[in-house]
C-alpha atoms as a PDB file:
ATOM      1  CA  MET A   1      -0.078  -0.051  -0.076  1.00  0.00           C
ATOM      2  CA  PRO A   2       3.031   2.337   0.379  1.00  0.00           C
ATOM      3  CA  TRP A   3       3.767   2.342  -2.902  1.00  0.00           C
ATOM      4  CA  VAL A   4       0.526   2.961  -4.125  1.00  0.00           C
ATOM      5  CA  ILE A   5       0.266   5.850  -1.821  1.00  0.00           C
ATOM      6  CA  LEU A   6       3.593   7.019  -3.194  1.00  0.00           C
ATOM      7  CA  LEU A   7       2.593   6.606  -6.879  1.00  0.00           C
ATOM      8  CA  ALA A   8      -0.419   8.616  -6.180  1.00  0.00           C
ATOM      9  CA  SER A   9       1.403  11.174  -4.387  1.00  0.00           C
ATOM     10  CA  ALA A  10       3.632  11.495  -7.454  1.00  0.00           C
ATOM     11  CA  VAL A  11       0.770  12.071  -9.764  1.00  0.00           C
ATOM     12  CA  LEU A  12      -0.363  14.844  -7.364  1.00  0.00           C
ATOM     13  CA  GLU A  13       2.918  16.103  -7.657  1.00  0.00           C
ATOM     14  CA  ALA A  14       2.637  16.528 -11.406  1.00  0.00           C
ATOM     15  CA  VAL A  15      -0.918  18.017 -11.097  1.00  0.00           C
ATOM     16  CA  TRP A  16       0.698  20.931  -8.394  1.00  0.00           C
ATOM     17  CA  ALA A  17       3.427  21.383 -11.237  1.00  0.00           C
ATOM     18  CA  THR A  18       0.920  21.917 -13.650  1.00  0.00           C
ATOM     19  CA  ALA A  19      -1.284  24.235 -11.653  1.00  0.00           C
ATOM     20  CA  LEU A  20       1.662  26.146 -10.851  1.00  0.00           C
ATOM     21  CA  GLY A  21       2.439  27.005 -14.575  1.00  0.00           C
ATOM     22  CA  ALA A  22      -1.322  27.767 -15.391  1.00  0.00           C
ATOM     23  CA  SER A  23      -1.455  30.049 -12.406  1.00  0.00           C
ATOM     24  CA  ASP A  24       0.591  32.813 -13.725  1.00  0.00           C
ATOM     25  CA  GLY A  25       2.864  33.630 -10.681  1.00  0.00           C
ATOM     26  CA  LEU A  26      -0.323  32.547  -8.322  1.00  0.00           C
ATOM     27  CA  SER A  27      -2.450  35.621  -9.825  1.00  0.00           C
ATOM     28  CA  ARG A  28      -5.303  33.060 -11.602  1.00  0.00           C
ATOM     29  CA  PRO A  29      -7.439  31.745  -8.351  1.00  0.00           C
ATOM     30  CA  VAL A  30      -8.239  28.410  -9.873  1.00  0.00           C
ATOM     31  CA  PRO A  31      -5.015  27.379 -11.250  1.00  0.00           C
ATOM     32  CA  THR A  32      -3.466  28.597  -7.298  1.00  0.00           C
ATOM     33  CA  VAL A  33      -6.039  26.585  -5.346  1.00  0.00           C
ATOM     34  CA  ALA A  34      -5.344  23.494  -7.252  1.00  0.00           C
ATOM     35  CA  PHE A  35      -1.813  24.337  -6.684  1.00  0.00           C
ATOM     36  CA  LEU A  36      -2.297  24.601  -3.108  1.00  0.00           C
ATOM     37  CA  VAL A  37      -4.484  21.835  -2.392  1.00  0.00           C
ATOM     38  CA  ALA A  38      -2.478  19.439  -4.669  1.00  0.00           C
ATOM     39  CA  LEU A  39       0.895  20.244  -3.301  1.00  0.00           C
ATOM     40  CA  ALA A  40      -0.520  19.591   0.879  1.00  0.00           C
ATOM     41  CA  ALA A  41      -2.126  15.778  -0.739  1.00  0.00           C
ATOM     42  CA  SER A  42       1.060  15.487  -2.414  1.00  0.00           C
ATOM     43  CA  MET A  43       3.559  15.786   0.355  1.00  0.00           C
ATOM     44  CA  VAL A  44       0.938  14.191   2.869  1.00  0.00           C
ATOM     45  CA  GLY A  45       1.174  11.387   0.426  1.00  0.00           C
ATOM     46  CA  LEU A  46       5.021  11.420   0.280  1.00  0.00           C
ATOM     47  CA  SER A  47       5.123  11.804   4.211  1.00  0.00           C
ATOM     48  CA  VAL A  48       2.770   8.759   5.038  1.00  0.00           C
ATOM     49  CA  ALA A  49       4.860   6.533   2.170  1.00  0.00           C
ATOM     50  CA  SER A  50       7.952   7.502   3.937  1.00  0.00           C
ATOM     51  CA  ALA A  51       7.027   5.789   6.919  1.00  0.00           C
ATOM     52  CA  SER A  52       7.676   2.437   5.258  1.00  0.00           C
ATOM     53  CA  ILE A  53       9.634   3.470   2.540  1.00  0.00           C
ATOM     54  CA  PRO A  54      13.150   4.847   2.787  1.00  0.00           C
ATOM     55  CA  ILE A  55      13.220   8.521   2.401  1.00  0.00           C
ATOM     56  CA  GLY A  56      15.916   8.314  -0.313  1.00  0.00           C
ATOM     57  CA  THR A  57      13.884   5.843  -2.354  1.00  0.00           C
ATOM     58  CA  ALA A  58      10.260   7.926  -1.863  1.00  0.00           C
ATOM     59  CA  TYR A  59      12.165  11.084  -2.946  1.00  0.00           C
ATOM     60  CA  ALA A  60      13.393   9.987  -5.939  1.00  0.00           C
ATOM     61  CA  VAL A  61      10.602   7.513  -7.154  1.00  0.00           C
ATOM     62  CA  TRP A  62       8.575  11.024  -6.167  1.00  0.00           C
ATOM     63  CA  THR A  63      10.376  13.041  -8.224  1.00  0.00           C
ATOM     64  CA  GLY A  64      10.909  11.081 -11.173  1.00  0.00           C
ATOM     65  CA  VAL A  65       7.392  10.300 -11.654  1.00  0.00           C
ATOM     66  CA  GLY A  66       6.112  13.294 -10.972  1.00  0.00           C
ATOM     67  CA  ALA A  67       8.595  15.190 -13.721  1.00  0.00           C
ATOM     68  CA  ALA A  68       7.824  12.419 -16.119  1.00  0.00           C
ATOM     69  CA  LEU A  69       4.358  13.100 -15.965  1.00  0.00           C
ATOM     70  CA  THR A  70       4.814  16.957 -15.890  1.00  0.00           C
ATOM     71  CA  VAL A  71       6.765  16.714 -19.058  1.00  0.00           C
ATOM     72  CA  THR A  72       4.802  13.911 -20.671  1.00  0.00           C
ATOM     73  CA  TRP A  73       1.445  16.271 -20.125  1.00  0.00           C
ATOM     74  CA  ALA A  74       2.980  19.303 -21.552  1.00  0.00           C
ATOM     75  CA  ILE A  75       4.445  17.442 -24.572  1.00  0.00           C
ATOM     76  CA  THR A  76       0.588  16.305 -25.061  1.00  0.00           C
ATOM     77  CA  VAL A  77      -1.281  19.508 -25.054  1.00  0.00           C
ATOM     78  CA  GLY A  78       1.435  21.209 -27.128  1.00  0.00           C
ATOM     79  CA  GLY A  79       3.164  23.057 -24.404  1.00  0.00           C
ATOM     80  CA  GLU A  80       6.524  21.602 -24.940  1.00  0.00           C
ATOM     81  CA  SER A  81       8.055  20.403 -27.851  1.00  0.00           C
ATOM     82  CA  SER A  82       8.826  16.444 -28.474  1.00  0.00           C
ATOM     83  CA  SER A  83      11.482  14.604 -29.698  1.00  0.00           C
ATOM     84  CA  ALA A  84      13.024  11.262 -29.866  1.00  0.00           C
ATOM     85  CA  ALA A  85      15.683  12.040 -27.096  1.00  0.00           C
ATOM     86  CA  LYS A  86      13.245  13.256 -24.683  1.00  0.00           C
ATOM     87  CA  VAL A  87      10.916  10.436 -25.268  1.00  0.00           C
ATOM     88  CA  LEU A  88      14.001   8.122 -24.437  1.00  0.00           C
ATOM     89  CA  LEU A  89      15.025  10.115 -21.803  1.00  0.00           C
ATOM     90  CA  LEU A  90      11.881  10.024 -20.022  1.00  0.00           C
ATOM     91  CA  GLY A  91      11.471   6.169 -20.721  1.00  0.00           C
ATOM     92  CA  GLY A  92      14.724   6.211 -18.639  1.00  0.00           C
ATOM     93  CA  ILE A  93      13.106   7.844 -15.679  1.00  0.00           C
ATOM     94  CA  VAL A  94      10.621   5.410 -15.681  1.00  0.00           C
ATOM     95  CA  VAL A  95      12.928   2.327 -16.024  1.00  0.00           C
ATOM     96  CA  ALA A  96      15.130   3.946 -12.905  1.00  0.00           C
ATOM     97  CA  VAL A  97      12.021   4.283 -11.045  1.00  0.00           C
ATOM     98  CA  LEU A  98      10.545   0.580 -11.514  1.00  0.00           C
ATOM     99  CA  GLY A  99      14.401  -0.659 -10.727  1.00  0.00           C
ATOM    100  CA  LEU A 100      14.336   1.462  -7.092  1.00  0.00           C
ATOM    101  CA  ARG A 101      11.005  -0.038  -6.397  1.00  0.00           C
ATOM    102  CA  PHE A 102      12.413  -3.676  -7.009  1.00  0.00           C
ATOM    103  CA  VAL A 103      16.008  -2.886  -5.625  1.00  0.00           C
ATOM    104  CA  GLY A 104      14.354  -2.195  -2.212  1.00  0.00           C
ATOM    105  CA  ARG A 105      12.768  -5.606  -2.122  1.00  0.00           C
ATOM    106  CA  GLN A 106      16.363  -7.265  -2.037  1.00  0.00           C
ATOM    107  CA  GLY A 107      17.499  -5.468   1.392  1.00  0.00           C
ATOM    108  CA  ASP A 108      16.014  -6.094   4.751  1.00  0.00           C
ATOM    109  CA  GLY A 109      14.465  -2.567   5.333  1.00  0.00           C
ATOM    110  CA  PRO A 110      11.300  -1.350   6.113  1.00  0.00           C
ATOM    111  CA  ASP A 111      10.017  -2.172   2.187  1.00  0.00           C
ATOM    112  CA  ALA A 112      11.139  -5.619   1.679  1.00  0.00           C
ATOM    113  CA  PRO A 113       8.973  -8.293   1.345  1.00  0.00           C
END
């Protein structure tokens, strides 16, 4: 369950990052409220997940997934250009996150099976 919470929190990170960009310097009320709510929920999720997942791993997964989703969304809606190199590098982030998930199982820490 901590990994599900962490991934949901990472999705919320992408939401708040996107809302921050749309808020025009926090001057537009709806994106600003979306930013603040998603930011708070994302931080709570990271905090809850880090009670069971080592913070270094949790933070790397949270930022990696959040960043990859933010860029993917920006490409999808036309706010950012796409290239083969960018897609390859985003795939590398996803592979690294998956690697962290499964390497963590080999240790005897709190996220071991």
